[in-house]
N, C-alpha and C. Protein backbone atom coordinates (compact mmCIF):
# COMPACT_ATOMS: atom_id res chain seq x y z
N UNK A 1 -1.88 31.77 -9.75
CA UNK A 1 -2.73 31.29 -10.81
C UNK A 1 -3.53 32.48 -11.35
N UNK A 2 -3.56 32.59 -12.66
CA UNK A 2 -4.28 33.71 -13.27
C UNK A 2 -5.79 33.53 -13.08
N UNK A 3 -6.50 34.64 -13.16
CA UNK A 3 -7.96 34.59 -13.00
C UNK A 3 -8.60 33.76 -14.11
N UNK A 4 -8.09 33.89 -15.32
CA UNK A 4 -8.61 33.13 -16.45
C UNK A 4 -8.43 31.63 -16.22
N UNK A 5 -7.25 31.24 -15.76
CA UNK A 5 -6.98 29.83 -15.48
C UNK A 5 -7.86 29.33 -14.34
N UNK A 6 -8.03 30.13 -13.30
CA UNK A 6 -8.90 29.75 -12.18
C UNK A 6 -10.33 29.54 -12.66
N UNK A 7 -10.81 30.40 -13.55
CA UNK A 7 -12.16 30.25 -14.09
C UNK A 7 -12.29 28.97 -14.90
N UNK A 8 -11.26 28.68 -15.70
CA UNK A 8 -11.26 27.45 -16.49
C UNK A 8 -11.30 26.23 -15.58
N UNK A 9 -10.48 26.22 -14.55
CA UNK A 9 -10.46 25.10 -13.61
C UNK A 9 -11.81 24.95 -12.91
N UNK A 10 -12.44 26.06 -12.56
CA UNK A 10 -13.76 26.00 -11.93
C UNK A 10 -14.76 25.35 -12.88
N UNK A 11 -14.69 25.68 -14.16
CA UNK A 11 -15.58 25.08 -15.15
C UNK A 11 -15.36 23.57 -15.26
N UNK A 12 -14.10 23.15 -15.21
CA UNK A 12 -13.79 21.72 -15.27
C UNK A 12 -14.40 21.00 -14.09
N UNK A 13 -14.26 21.56 -12.90
CA UNK A 13 -14.84 20.95 -11.70
C UNK A 13 -16.36 20.91 -11.80
N UNK A 14 -16.97 21.99 -12.23
CA UNK A 14 -18.43 22.02 -12.37
C UNK A 14 -18.91 21.00 -13.40
N UNK A 15 -18.19 20.88 -14.51
CA UNK A 15 -18.57 19.90 -15.53
C UNK A 15 -18.55 18.48 -14.97
N UNK A 16 -17.49 18.15 -14.26
CA UNK A 16 -17.37 16.80 -13.70
C UNK A 16 -18.36 16.55 -12.56
N UNK A 17 -18.75 17.59 -11.84
CA UNK A 17 -19.71 17.39 -10.76
C UNK A 17 -21.13 17.26 -11.30
N UNK A 18 -21.41 17.94 -12.39
CA UNK A 18 -22.75 17.86 -13.00
C UNK A 18 -22.93 16.60 -13.83
N UNK A 19 -21.85 16.17 -14.48
CA UNK A 19 -21.88 14.98 -15.35
C UNK A 19 -20.69 14.09 -15.00
N UNK A 20 -20.74 13.46 -13.84
CA UNK A 20 -19.58 12.65 -13.43
C UNK A 20 -19.35 11.46 -14.36
N UNK A 21 -18.09 11.20 -14.60
CA UNK A 21 -17.69 10.06 -15.43
C UNK A 21 -17.40 8.87 -14.53
N UNK A 22 -17.54 7.67 -15.11
CA UNK A 22 -17.18 6.45 -14.39
C UNK A 22 -18.10 6.09 -13.25
N UNK A 23 -19.36 6.46 -13.36
CA UNK A 23 -20.31 6.14 -12.29
C UNK A 23 -20.82 4.71 -12.50
N UNK A 24 -20.90 3.96 -11.42
CA UNK A 24 -21.41 2.60 -11.48
C UNK A 24 -20.57 1.68 -10.63
N UNK A 25 -20.66 0.41 -10.96
CA UNK A 25 -19.88 -0.60 -10.24
C UNK A 25 -19.25 -1.54 -11.25
N UNK A 26 -18.00 -1.85 -11.04
CA UNK A 26 -17.29 -2.78 -11.91
C UNK A 26 -17.87 -4.17 -11.66
N UNK A 27 -18.35 -4.81 -12.72
CA UNK A 27 -19.01 -6.11 -12.58
C UNK A 27 -18.09 -7.18 -12.00
N UNK A 28 -16.91 -7.30 -12.54
CA UNK A 28 -15.98 -8.34 -12.09
C UNK A 28 -14.87 -7.73 -11.23
N UNK A 29 -15.30 -6.93 -10.26
CA UNK A 29 -14.35 -6.20 -9.41
C UNK A 29 -13.48 -7.15 -8.59
N UNK A 30 -12.26 -6.71 -8.37
CA UNK A 30 -11.34 -7.43 -7.49
C UNK A 30 -11.12 -6.67 -6.19
N UNK A 31 -11.49 -5.38 -6.19
CA UNK A 31 -11.29 -4.52 -5.03
C UNK A 31 -12.48 -3.58 -4.88
N UNK A 32 -12.82 -3.26 -3.64
CA UNK A 32 -13.87 -2.27 -3.40
C UNK A 32 -13.70 -1.68 -2.01
N UNK A 33 -14.28 -0.50 -1.86
CA UNK A 33 -14.23 0.18 -0.56
C UNK A 33 -15.32 1.24 -0.52
N UNK A 34 -15.73 1.57 0.69
CA UNK A 34 -16.67 2.66 0.93
C UNK A 34 -16.03 3.56 1.97
N UNK A 35 -16.12 4.85 1.76
CA UNK A 35 -15.56 5.81 2.70
C UNK A 35 -16.50 7.01 2.77
N UNK A 36 -16.59 7.59 3.94
CA UNK A 36 -17.46 8.76 4.08
C UNK A 36 -16.81 9.79 5.00
N UNK A 37 -17.30 10.99 4.90
CA UNK A 37 -16.90 12.06 5.79
C UNK A 37 -18.16 12.49 6.54
N UNK A 38 -18.34 12.02 7.76
CA UNK A 38 -19.57 12.33 8.49
C UNK A 38 -19.72 13.81 8.82
N UNK A 39 -18.64 14.57 8.76
CA UNK A 39 -18.72 16.00 9.07
C UNK A 39 -19.46 16.78 7.98
N UNK A 40 -19.32 16.32 6.72
CA UNK A 40 -19.97 17.07 5.64
C UNK A 40 -20.97 16.24 4.85
N UNK A 41 -20.95 14.92 5.02
CA UNK A 41 -21.91 14.06 4.32
C UNK A 41 -21.41 13.47 3.02
N UNK A 42 -20.17 13.76 2.62
CA UNK A 42 -19.63 13.16 1.40
C UNK A 42 -19.48 11.65 1.59
N UNK A 43 -19.83 10.90 0.54
CA UNK A 43 -19.68 9.45 0.55
C UNK A 43 -19.17 8.99 -0.80
N UNK A 44 -18.24 8.03 -0.77
CA UNK A 44 -17.66 7.50 -2.00
C UNK A 44 -17.58 5.98 -1.88
N UNK A 45 -18.14 5.32 -2.87
CA UNK A 45 -18.02 3.87 -3.00
C UNK A 45 -17.22 3.61 -4.27
N UNK A 46 -16.15 2.83 -4.14
CA UNK A 46 -15.24 2.56 -5.25
C UNK A 46 -15.21 1.07 -5.53
N UNK A 47 -15.23 0.71 -6.80
CA UNK A 47 -14.98 -0.68 -7.18
C UNK A 47 -13.95 -0.66 -8.31
N UNK A 48 -13.08 -1.66 -8.30
CA UNK A 48 -12.00 -1.69 -9.28
C UNK A 48 -11.69 -3.13 -9.67
N UNK A 49 -11.18 -3.26 -10.88
CA UNK A 49 -10.63 -4.54 -11.33
C UNK A 49 -9.15 -4.31 -11.58
N UNK A 50 -8.33 -5.04 -10.85
CA UNK A 50 -6.88 -4.94 -10.98
C UNK A 50 -6.37 -6.29 -11.45
N UNK A 51 -5.59 -6.28 -12.52
CA UNK A 51 -5.03 -7.51 -13.08
C UNK A 51 -3.52 -7.30 -13.23
N UNK A 52 -2.76 -8.20 -12.63
CA UNK A 52 -1.30 -8.15 -12.69
C UNK A 52 -0.75 -6.77 -12.29
N UNK A 53 -1.35 -6.20 -11.24
CA UNK A 53 -0.86 -4.94 -10.71
C UNK A 53 -1.24 -3.70 -11.50
N UNK A 54 -2.15 -3.86 -12.47
CA UNK A 54 -2.59 -2.73 -13.29
C UNK A 54 -4.08 -2.51 -13.08
N UNK A 55 -4.46 -1.26 -12.86
CA UNK A 55 -5.87 -0.91 -12.67
C UNK A 55 -6.54 -0.93 -14.04
N UNK A 56 -7.32 -1.97 -14.28
CA UNK A 56 -7.97 -2.13 -15.57
C UNK A 56 -9.24 -1.27 -15.67
N UNK A 57 -9.98 -1.20 -14.57
CA UNK A 57 -11.24 -0.45 -14.58
C UNK A 57 -11.56 0.02 -13.17
N UNK A 58 -12.09 1.23 -13.07
CA UNK A 58 -12.52 1.78 -11.79
C UNK A 58 -13.84 2.49 -12.02
N UNK A 59 -14.76 2.31 -11.09
CA UNK A 59 -16.03 3.04 -11.12
C UNK A 59 -16.34 3.52 -9.70
N UNK A 60 -17.23 4.48 -9.62
CA UNK A 60 -17.56 5.05 -8.31
C UNK A 60 -19.04 5.41 -8.24
N UNK A 61 -19.52 5.48 -7.03
CA UNK A 61 -20.78 6.12 -6.68
C UNK A 61 -20.39 7.15 -5.64
N UNK A 62 -20.57 8.42 -5.96
CA UNK A 62 -20.18 9.49 -5.05
C UNK A 62 -21.35 10.42 -4.83
N UNK A 63 -21.56 10.77 -3.57
CA UNK A 63 -22.57 11.75 -3.24
C UNK A 63 -21.94 12.79 -2.33
N UNK A 64 -22.46 13.97 -2.39
CA UNK A 64 -21.94 15.04 -1.56
C UNK A 64 -21.72 16.29 -2.37
N UNK A 65 -20.71 17.03 -2.00
CA UNK A 65 -20.46 18.33 -2.64
C UNK A 65 -19.85 18.16 -4.03
N UNK A 66 -19.85 19.25 -4.77
CA UNK A 66 -19.31 19.26 -6.13
C UNK A 66 -17.84 18.88 -6.16
N UNK A 67 -17.08 19.30 -5.16
CA UNK A 67 -15.64 19.00 -5.11
C UNK A 67 -15.41 17.49 -5.02
N UNK A 68 -16.14 16.83 -4.15
CA UNK A 68 -15.98 15.39 -3.96
C UNK A 68 -16.37 14.61 -5.21
N UNK A 69 -17.53 14.93 -5.77
CA UNK A 69 -18.01 14.22 -6.96
C UNK A 69 -17.07 14.45 -8.14
N UNK A 70 -16.64 15.70 -8.34
CA UNK A 70 -15.73 16.00 -9.44
C UNK A 70 -14.39 15.29 -9.25
N UNK A 71 -13.90 15.25 -8.03
CA UNK A 71 -12.63 14.58 -7.77
C UNK A 71 -12.73 13.09 -8.10
N UNK A 72 -13.81 12.46 -7.70
CA UNK A 72 -14.00 11.03 -8.01
C UNK A 72 -14.06 10.81 -9.52
N UNK A 73 -14.80 11.66 -10.21
CA UNK A 73 -14.94 11.54 -11.66
C UNK A 73 -13.60 11.70 -12.36
N UNK A 74 -12.85 12.71 -11.96
CA UNK A 74 -11.57 12.96 -12.60
C UNK A 74 -10.53 11.91 -12.22
N UNK A 75 -10.60 11.40 -10.99
CA UNK A 75 -9.69 10.35 -10.58
C UNK A 75 -9.90 9.10 -11.42
N UNK A 76 -11.16 8.72 -11.61
CA UNK A 76 -11.46 7.52 -12.40
C UNK A 76 -10.86 7.64 -13.80
N UNK A 77 -11.00 8.80 -14.41
CA UNK A 77 -10.42 8.99 -15.74
C UNK A 77 -8.89 8.92 -15.70
N UNK A 78 -8.30 9.45 -14.64
CA UNK A 78 -6.84 9.55 -14.56
C UNK A 78 -6.14 8.23 -14.28
N UNK A 79 -6.81 7.28 -13.63
CA UNK A 79 -6.10 6.09 -13.17
C UNK A 79 -6.31 4.85 -14.03
N UNK A 80 -7.24 4.89 -14.95
CA UNK A 80 -7.50 3.71 -15.79
C UNK A 80 -6.22 3.29 -16.51
N UNK A 81 -5.86 2.04 -16.41
CA UNK A 81 -4.70 1.51 -17.10
C UNK A 81 -3.35 1.75 -16.43
N UNK A 82 -3.36 2.35 -15.25
CA UNK A 82 -2.10 2.62 -14.56
C UNK A 82 -1.75 1.49 -13.60
N UNK A 83 -0.46 1.22 -13.44
CA UNK A 83 -0.04 0.29 -12.39
C UNK A 83 -0.43 0.86 -11.02
N UNK A 84 -0.71 -0.02 -10.08
CA UNK A 84 -1.16 0.44 -8.76
C UNK A 84 -0.11 1.31 -8.08
N UNK A 85 1.16 1.00 -8.27
CA UNK A 85 2.21 1.80 -7.65
C UNK A 85 2.24 3.22 -8.23
N UNK A 86 1.97 3.35 -9.51
CA UNK A 86 1.90 4.68 -10.11
C UNK A 86 0.70 5.44 -9.56
N UNK A 87 -0.44 4.73 -9.40
CA UNK A 87 -1.60 5.37 -8.77
C UNK A 87 -1.25 5.89 -7.38
N UNK A 88 -0.55 5.09 -6.61
CA UNK A 88 -0.21 5.52 -5.24
C UNK A 88 0.66 6.78 -5.25
N UNK A 89 1.59 6.87 -6.19
CA UNK A 89 2.40 8.09 -6.31
C UNK A 89 1.53 9.27 -6.73
N UNK A 90 0.64 9.03 -7.69
CA UNK A 90 -0.26 10.09 -8.15
C UNK A 90 -1.20 10.53 -7.03
N UNK A 91 -1.66 9.57 -6.24
CA UNK A 91 -2.56 9.89 -5.13
C UNK A 91 -1.86 10.77 -4.10
N UNK A 92 -0.62 10.43 -3.79
CA UNK A 92 0.15 11.24 -2.85
C UNK A 92 0.36 12.65 -3.40
N UNK A 93 0.68 12.74 -4.69
CA UNK A 93 0.88 14.05 -5.33
C UNK A 93 -0.42 14.86 -5.33
N UNK A 94 -1.55 14.19 -5.60
CA UNK A 94 -2.83 14.89 -5.60
C UNK A 94 -3.18 15.42 -4.21
N UNK A 95 -2.97 14.59 -3.20
CA UNK A 95 -3.27 15.02 -1.83
C UNK A 95 -2.39 16.19 -1.41
N UNK A 96 -1.13 16.17 -1.82
CA UNK A 96 -0.24 17.30 -1.53
C UNK A 96 -0.72 18.55 -2.25
N UNK A 97 -1.16 18.40 -3.49
CA UNK A 97 -1.71 19.53 -4.24
C UNK A 97 -2.91 20.12 -3.51
N UNK A 98 -3.83 19.26 -3.09
CA UNK A 98 -5.04 19.73 -2.40
C UNK A 98 -4.71 20.45 -1.10
N UNK A 99 -3.65 20.01 -0.43
CA UNK A 99 -3.25 20.65 0.83
C UNK A 99 -2.38 21.89 0.61
N UNK A 100 -2.01 22.15 -0.64
CA UNK A 100 -1.18 23.31 -0.96
C UNK A 100 0.30 23.09 -0.70
N UNK A 101 0.71 21.83 -0.62
CA UNK A 101 2.11 21.51 -0.31
C UNK A 101 2.95 21.31 -1.56
N UNK A 102 2.31 21.17 -2.72
CA UNK A 102 3.05 20.90 -3.95
C UNK A 102 2.13 21.17 -5.13
N UNK A 103 2.73 21.39 -6.29
CA UNK A 103 1.94 21.49 -7.52
C UNK A 103 2.52 20.54 -8.57
N UNK A 104 3.07 19.44 -8.09
CA UNK A 104 3.72 18.46 -8.94
C UNK A 104 2.70 17.48 -9.52
N UNK A 105 1.78 18.00 -10.32
CA UNK A 105 0.75 17.18 -10.94
C UNK A 105 0.41 17.84 -12.27
N UNK A 106 -0.05 17.05 -13.22
CA UNK A 106 -0.30 17.57 -14.55
C UNK A 106 -1.77 17.44 -14.92
N UNK A 107 -2.16 18.18 -15.94
CA UNK A 107 -3.46 18.03 -16.55
C UNK A 107 -4.60 18.64 -15.74
N UNK A 108 -5.78 18.10 -15.99
CA UNK A 108 -7.00 18.64 -15.40
C UNK A 108 -7.01 18.59 -13.88
N UNK A 109 -6.25 17.68 -13.29
CA UNK A 109 -6.24 17.58 -11.83
C UNK A 109 -5.72 18.86 -11.17
N UNK A 110 -5.00 19.68 -11.93
CA UNK A 110 -4.56 20.98 -11.40
C UNK A 110 -5.75 21.85 -11.01
N UNK A 111 -6.93 21.51 -11.48
CA UNK A 111 -8.14 22.26 -11.13
C UNK A 111 -8.34 22.30 -9.62
N UNK A 112 -7.77 21.35 -8.91
CA UNK A 112 -7.95 21.28 -7.46
C UNK A 112 -6.88 22.05 -6.68
N UNK A 113 -6.02 22.76 -7.37
CA UNK A 113 -4.96 23.52 -6.69
C UNK A 113 -5.53 24.56 -5.74
N UNK A 114 -6.66 25.13 -6.07
CA UNK A 114 -7.26 26.16 -5.23
C UNK A 114 -7.94 25.64 -3.98
N UNK A 115 -8.11 24.33 -3.87
CA UNK A 115 -8.79 23.74 -2.72
C UNK A 115 -8.05 24.06 -1.42
N UNK A 116 -6.75 24.19 -1.49
CA UNK A 116 -5.96 24.43 -0.28
C UNK A 116 -6.34 25.74 0.41
N UNK A 117 -6.95 26.65 -0.32
CA UNK A 117 -7.38 27.92 0.27
C UNK A 117 -8.60 27.73 1.18
N UNK A 118 -9.23 26.57 1.08
CA UNK A 118 -10.42 26.26 1.85
C UNK A 118 -10.18 24.94 2.60
N UNK A 119 -9.53 24.98 3.75
CA UNK A 119 -9.12 23.77 4.46
C UNK A 119 -10.24 22.74 4.67
N UNK A 120 -11.46 23.20 4.84
CA UNK A 120 -12.57 22.25 5.04
C UNK A 120 -12.88 21.46 3.77
N UNK A 121 -12.41 21.93 2.61
CA UNK A 121 -12.66 21.26 1.33
C UNK A 121 -11.57 20.27 0.94
N UNK A 122 -10.44 20.30 1.63
CA UNK A 122 -9.35 19.39 1.29
C UNK A 122 -9.82 17.94 1.42
N UNK A 123 -10.52 17.63 2.49
CA UNK A 123 -11.02 16.26 2.69
C UNK A 123 -12.01 15.88 1.58
N UNK A 124 -12.81 16.84 1.13
CA UNK A 124 -13.76 16.57 0.04
C UNK A 124 -13.03 16.13 -1.22
N UNK A 125 -11.96 16.82 -1.54
CA UNK A 125 -11.20 16.53 -2.76
C UNK A 125 -10.43 15.22 -2.65
N UNK A 126 -9.92 14.91 -1.48
CA UNK A 126 -9.06 13.73 -1.33
C UNK A 126 -9.82 12.45 -1.00
N UNK A 127 -11.07 12.56 -0.60
CA UNK A 127 -11.84 11.39 -0.18
C UNK A 127 -11.88 10.27 -1.24
N UNK A 128 -12.15 10.56 -2.51
CA UNK A 128 -12.15 9.47 -3.51
C UNK A 128 -10.80 8.79 -3.65
N UNK A 129 -9.73 9.56 -3.54
CA UNK A 129 -8.38 9.01 -3.66
C UNK A 129 -8.10 8.07 -2.49
N UNK A 130 -8.52 8.47 -1.30
CA UNK A 130 -8.37 7.60 -0.13
C UNK A 130 -9.23 6.34 -0.26
N UNK A 131 -10.39 6.48 -0.87
CA UNK A 131 -11.26 5.31 -1.07
C UNK A 131 -10.59 4.28 -1.95
N UNK A 132 -9.98 4.73 -3.05
CA UNK A 132 -9.29 3.77 -3.93
C UNK A 132 -8.07 3.19 -3.26
N UNK A 133 -7.35 4.00 -2.49
CA UNK A 133 -6.22 3.48 -1.72
C UNK A 133 -6.69 2.37 -0.77
N UNK A 134 -7.79 2.63 -0.05
CA UNK A 134 -8.35 1.64 0.87
C UNK A 134 -8.75 0.37 0.13
N UNK A 135 -9.36 0.52 -1.03
CA UNK A 135 -9.76 -0.65 -1.81
C UNK A 135 -8.54 -1.48 -2.19
N UNK A 136 -7.49 -0.83 -2.62
CA UNK A 136 -6.28 -1.54 -3.05
C UNK A 136 -5.55 -2.19 -1.87
N UNK A 137 -5.74 -1.63 -0.67
CA UNK A 137 -5.10 -2.18 0.52
C UNK A 137 -5.78 -3.46 1.02
N UNK A 138 -7.00 -3.69 0.62
CA UNK A 138 -7.75 -4.86 1.11
C UNK A 138 -7.29 -6.12 0.43
């Protein structure tokens, strides 16, 4: 990854951590979950409305490091209107990206490609994705 691209991705993460999108709770939620990482203090609460297998709306309350908050914010933007099965594929691809196992993902989420260089941050990036997976599993 070029230095210019890495700087751009860092700016995207900082923007989403400073001004997270999709914060709140879905009023007529059909799914919800809370997940935390006690080792670092990251916490994510997810609420979603799913109708006929399609994620209509997702919101989050995330606290912790910039990586976790930005990941939740960007995830919420990325999954609105997607079928749950497509979300699950995207979630698997994102987690592989964060672990450095693949780069099979498009758009702003590529900003997390560098997380694999910092193994302690992989959980921070993937926590919101696991929270939504947990919510959908309930």
